Protein backbone atom coordinates (compact mmCIF):
# COMPACT_ATOMS: atom_id res chain seq x y z
CA PRO A 1 0.00 0.00 0.00
CA ASN A 2 1.55 3.28 -1.12
CA GLY A 3 1.05 6.74 0.25
CA GLY A 4 0.51 5.76 3.88
CA SER A 5 2.41 8.09 6.14
CA ALA A 6 4.83 6.39 8.45
CA SER A 7 4.85 6.50 12.22
CA GLN A 8 8.04 7.41 14.05
CA GLY A 9 9.97 4.20 14.63
CA GLN A 10 11.24 3.38 18.09
CA PRO A 11 13.43 0.35 18.81
CA GLY A 12 11.23 -2.26 20.43
CA ASN A 13 8.02 -1.30 18.64
CA MET A 14 9.08 -2.15 15.10
CA THR A 15 8.18 -5.83 15.00
CA LEU A 16 6.32 -8.24 12.76
CA ASP A 17 5.10 -11.65 13.83
CA ALA A 18 5.16 -13.93 10.79
CA SER A 19 3.51 -17.19 11.82
CA GLY A 20 5.45 -17.43 15.09
CA VAL A 21 8.71 -15.97 13.80
CA GLU A 22 9.17 -12.46 15.09
CA MET A 23 11.29 -10.03 13.15
CA SER A 24 12.23 -6.65 14.55
CA VAL A 25 14.03 -3.58 13.26
CA ASP A 26 16.57 -2.69 15.96
CA GLY A 27 17.99 0.48 14.46
CA VAL A 28 19.70 2.21 11.58
CA GLY A 29 23.12 3.72 11.08
CA ARG A 30 25.21 5.18 8.33
CA GLY A 31 27.51 2.79 6.47
CA SER A 32 30.65 3.26 4.43
CA LYS A 33 30.49 4.39 0.78
CA ASP A 34 29.31 1.79 -1.72
CA ASN A 35 31.26 0.76 -4.80
CA SER A 36 29.96 3.77 -6.74
CA GLY A 37 30.89 6.21 -3.98
CA GLN A 38 27.35 6.76 -2.68
CA ASP A 39 26.36 6.93 0.96
CA THR A 40 24.79 3.87 2.53
CA VAL A 41 22.58 3.07 5.48
CA ILE A 42 22.80 -0.08 7.59
CA VAL A 43 19.62 -1.55 9.07
CA THR A 44 19.97 -3.93 12.05
CA LEU A 45 17.33 -6.65 12.35
CA THR A 46 16.65 -9.47 14.80
CA THR A 47 14.74 -12.65 14.01
CA THR A 48 13.34 -14.64 16.95
CA ASN A 49 11.96 -18.13 16.39
CA ASN A 50 8.98 -18.81 18.68
CA THR A 51 7.97 -21.99 16.84
CA SER A 52 9.00 -25.58 17.48
CA SER A 53 11.01 -26.04 14.27
CA ALA A 54 13.95 -24.30 12.59
CA GLN A 55 12.95 -21.25 10.53
CA SER A 56 14.59 -18.94 8.03
CA ALA A 57 16.25 -15.87 9.53
CA VAL A 58 14.69 -13.86 6.70
CA ALA A 59 11.10 -14.23 7.87
CA ALA A 60 10.21 -10.95 6.19
CA ILE A 61 11.68 -8.72 3.53
CA PRO A 62 12.60 -5.31 4.91
CA LYS A 63 11.77 -2.64 2.32
CA ALA A 64 13.56 0.64 2.90
CA PHE A 65 12.58 4.01 1.47
CA SER A 66 14.31 7.38 1.38
CA GLY A 67 12.50 10.01 3.47
CA ARG A 68 9.09 9.63 5.14
CA GLU A 69 7.01 8.14 2.32
CA ALA A 70 6.78 4.43 1.57
CA LYS A 71 6.45 4.97 -2.17
CA ASP A 72 7.93 2.90 -4.98
CA GLU A 73 9.90 5.83 -6.37
CA ASN A 74 11.63 6.26 -2.98
CA VAL A 75 12.62 2.60 -2.55
CA LEU A 76 16.26 2.02 -1.59
CA LEU A 77 18.28 -0.67 -3.33
CA PRO A 78 20.65 -3.05 -1.56
CA ALA A 79 24.15 -1.58 -1.36
CA VAL A 80 27.08 -3.24 -3.12
CA PHE A 81 30.42 -2.55 -1.48
CA PRO A 82 33.91 -2.76 -2.96
CA VAL A 83 35.28 -6.27 -2.44
CA GLY A 84 36.90 -6.57 0.97
CA SER A 85 35.31 -3.43 2.40
CA GLU A 86 31.89 -4.77 3.24
CA PRO A 87 30.86 -3.61 6.71
CA ASN A 88 31.02 -6.33 9.37
CA GLY A 89 27.80 -8.18 9.93
CA VAL A 90 26.07 -7.14 6.71
CA GLY A 91 24.15 -9.86 4.89
CA PHE A 92 24.94 -13.52 5.20
CA GLU A 93 28.20 -15.15 4.27
CA GLU A 94 27.99 -18.31 2.19
CA ASP A 95 28.62 -20.49 5.25
CA ASP A 96 26.52 -18.45 7.69
CA GLU A 97 23.63 -20.04 9.49
CA GLN A 98 20.57 -18.57 7.79
CA THR A 99 18.17 -20.59 9.90
CA VAL A 100 17.10 -19.86 13.46
CA GLN A 101 16.62 -22.77 15.84
CA PRO A 102 13.47 -22.93 18.03
CA GLY A 103 13.64 -20.48 20.94
CA LYS A 104 16.70 -18.70 19.54
CA SER A 105 17.31 -15.30 17.99
CA VAL A 106 19.76 -14.10 15.36
CA THR A 107 20.70 -10.47 14.68
CA TRP A 108 21.76 -9.46 11.19
CA GLU A 109 22.21 -6.37 9.07
CA LEU A 110 21.26 -5.16 5.62
CA ALA A 111 22.86 -2.26 3.75
CA TYR A 112 21.05 0.04 1.34
CA THR A 113 22.41 2.70 -1.00
CA LEU A 114 21.17 6.25 -0.42
CA PRO A 115 20.76 7.87 -3.86
CA GLN A 116 20.35 11.32 -2.33
CA THR A 117 21.21 12.93 0.96
CA THR A 118 18.52 12.31 3.55
CA ASP A 119 18.24 12.49 7.33
CA GLU A 120 15.61 9.80 7.62
CA ILE A 121 14.51 6.57 6.03
CA THR A 122 11.28 4.62 6.23
CA ILE A 123 11.17 0.84 6.72
CA GLN A 124 8.36 -1.62 6.15
CA LEU A 125 8.48 -5.37 6.86
CA ILE A 126 6.70 -7.66 4.40
CA SER A 127 6.57 -11.26 5.54
CA THR A 128 6.54 -14.41 3.46
CA ASP A 129 2.99 -15.10 4.69
CA GLY A 130 1.81 -11.77 3.29
CA SER A 131 1.46 -9.82 6.51
CA THR A 132 3.12 -6.42 6.80
CA ALA A 133 4.29 -4.15 9.60
CA GLY A 134 5.18 -0.51 9.47
CA PRO A 135 6.02 1.66 7.74
CA TRP A 136 8.18 3.36 10.35
CA THR A 137 10.37 6.41 9.85
CA LEU A 138 13.81 6.38 11.46
CA GLU A 139 16.18 9.30 11.78
CA LEU A 140 19.70 8.64 10.59
CA PRO A 141 22.59 9.69 12.80
CA LYS A 142 24.19 12.90 11.57
């Protein structure tokens, strides 16, 4: 749904329960420059498995938008960093555990390229079962 105005995101209230797997947005920060020299933003997420079987850590797709509006023309694309200069913790390495065992949590990060200078981004979680949470607007550190 486009055009909905976002509420101000606060750590702890930005969660989505996708069939017993809870995903939360823990915060945002500025990342290093991407491979084309543009600014990036790093989003920290936690996936908690409240079911009785192993689940994917990516229970929902976080969509990030520049500014306050969750509109398609503002959508941020995943950042690509120069080889060897990827920020620690971003994405999943080939051998990383991408599943979460029952009762456990995993924290992970995603990086997005910022095509223009902005002081805030908006995040929406869209789960694999079709439910959504957000959008929430988060201020970026200066």
